[in-house]
Amino acid sequence: MVMEKTQIDDINAQILKLRTALPIWGVEANDLVELAQNAERAAIQVDERTMQRVRGLIETTTGWHNTLLYWEEQDAAPALSADIRVLRGSLDAMRTEVSAATGMFPS
């Protein structure tokens, strides 16, 4: 089934929001990775506030990942499909980085 124009317009609007958020989440992910590395070197536990940041970022990016996967399954134009795949790839890389950082937190 071909996507309707209103659905495409909505997806494009959501993609703009996602493109605005990705750099912010990237900075947050980098901060969390740095905190994890410092905590690992110092063998100190990470405070609950930091863990809440980690969980929040993972939840948000997982939600967007699932949304992007859903959009990929729709019958979108090739350019929109490519856009969605690129965004999902960026998001997945960030999620992997944050997950790896969490594994570095001393327990």
Protein backbone atom coordinates (compact mmCIF):
# COMPACT_ATOMS: atom_id res chain seq x y z
CA MET A 1 0.00 0.00 0.00
CA VAL A 2 1.44 3.37 -1.03
CA MET A 3 1.85 5.94 1.72
CA GLU A 4 -0.62 8.81 1.79
CA LYS A 5 0.62 12.38 1.48
CA THR A 6 -0.48 13.23 5.04
CA GLN A 7 1.48 10.26 6.38
CA ILE A 8 4.56 11.32 4.40
CA ASP A 9 4.19 14.91 5.64
CA ASP A 10 3.94 13.67 9.22
CA ILE A 11 7.01 11.47 8.81
CA ASN A 12 8.96 14.35 7.29
CA ALA A 13 7.97 16.59 10.22
CA GLN A 14 9.05 13.89 12.69
CA ILE A 15 12.34 13.41 10.81
CA LEU A 16 13.07 17.13 11.20
CA LYS A 17 12.54 16.80 14.97
CA LEU A 18 14.77 13.74 15.04
CA ARG A 19 17.52 15.51 13.09
CA THR A 20 17.40 18.34 15.64
CA ALA A 21 17.56 15.91 18.57
CA LEU A 22 20.31 13.59 17.26
CA PRO A 23 23.22 16.01 17.89
CA ILE A 24 21.91 16.72 21.40
CA TRP A 25 21.65 13.01 22.12
CA GLY A 26 25.12 12.56 20.63
CA VAL A 27 26.58 15.03 23.13
CA GLU A 28 24.68 13.28 25.93
CA ALA A 29 26.00 9.89 24.76
CA ASN A 30 29.58 11.23 24.63
CA ASP A 31 29.21 12.65 28.15
CA LEU A 32 27.93 9.32 29.42
CA VAL A 33 30.78 7.42 27.76
CA GLU A 34 33.29 9.82 29.34
CA LEU A 35 31.62 9.43 32.76
CA ALA A 36 31.74 5.65 32.37
CA GLN A 37 35.43 5.70 31.47
CA ASN A 38 36.24 7.97 34.42
CA ALA A 39 34.19 5.82 36.80
CA GLU A 40 35.90 2.68 35.53
CA ARG A 41 39.38 4.21 35.98
CA ALA A 42 38.55 5.46 39.47
CA ALA A 43 36.61 2.28 40.33
CA ILE A 44 33.76 4.35 41.71
CA GLN A 45 30.06 3.74 41.45
CA VAL A 46 28.00 5.97 39.23
CA ASP A 47 25.28 7.95 40.97
CA GLU A 48 21.57 7.36 40.38
CA ARG A 49 21.19 10.63 38.43
CA THR A 50 23.69 9.41 35.86
CA MET A 51 21.94 6.06 35.62
CA GLN A 52 18.64 7.88 35.06
CA ARG A 53 20.28 9.82 32.22
CA VAL A 54 21.46 6.54 30.69
CA ARG A 55 18.05 4.90 31.00
CA GLY A 56 16.30 7.98 29.60
CA LEU A 57 18.60 8.15 26.59
CA ILE A 58 18.26 4.43 25.90
CA GLU A 59 14.45 4.56 26.23
CA THR A 60 14.16 7.59 23.95
CA THR A 61 16.48 6.24 21.28
CA THR A 62 14.85 2.80 21.45
CA GLY A 63 11.45 4.40 20.88
CA TRP A 64 12.75 6.27 17.87
CA HIS A 65 14.51 3.15 16.60
CA ASN A 66 11.20 1.27 16.69
CA THR A 67 9.41 4.14 14.95
CA LEU A 68 12.04 4.23 12.22
CA LEU A 69 11.77 0.46 11.76
CA TYR A 70 8.01 0.82 11.37
CA TRP A 71 8.44 3.58 8.81
CA GLU A 72 10.95 1.45 6.90
CA GLU A 73 8.30 -1.25 6.56
CA GLN A 74 5.92 1.21 4.88
CA ASP A 75 5.91 1.72 1.15
CA ALA A 76 7.82 5.01 1.13
CA ALA A 77 9.56 6.64 -1.79
CA PRO A 78 13.19 5.51 -2.20
CA ALA A 79 14.62 8.86 -1.02
CA LEU A 80 12.53 8.81 2.16
CA SER A 81 13.40 5.16 2.78
CA ALA A 82 17.10 5.96 2.43
CA ASP A 83 16.73 8.89 4.81
CA ILE A 84 15.05 6.66 7.37
CA ARG A 85 17.77 3.99 7.08
CA VAL A 86 20.55 6.58 7.56
CA LEU A 87 18.84 8.02 10.64
CA ARG A 88 18.30 4.56 12.09
CA GLY A 89 21.96 3.72 11.48
CA SER A 90 23.04 6.84 13.38
CA LEU A 91 20.64 6.08 16.19
CA ASP A 92 21.77 2.45 16.40
CA ALA A 93 25.43 3.48 16.60
CA MET A 94 24.60 5.85 19.46
CA ARG A 95 22.58 3.17 21.27
CA THR A 96 25.47 0.72 20.95
CA GLU A 97 27.91 3.29 22.34
CA VAL A 98 25.69 4.06 25.33
CA SER A 99 25.09 0.35 26.02
CA ALA A 100 28.82 -0.33 25.91
CA ALA A 101 29.45 2.60 28.27
CA THR A 102 26.91 1.25 30.76
CA GLY A 103 28.79 -2.00 30.84
CA MET A 104 31.87 -0.06 32.00
CA PHE A 105 30.15 1.33 35.11
CA PRO A 106 31.58 -0.36 38.21
CA SER A 107 28.89 -2.17 40.17
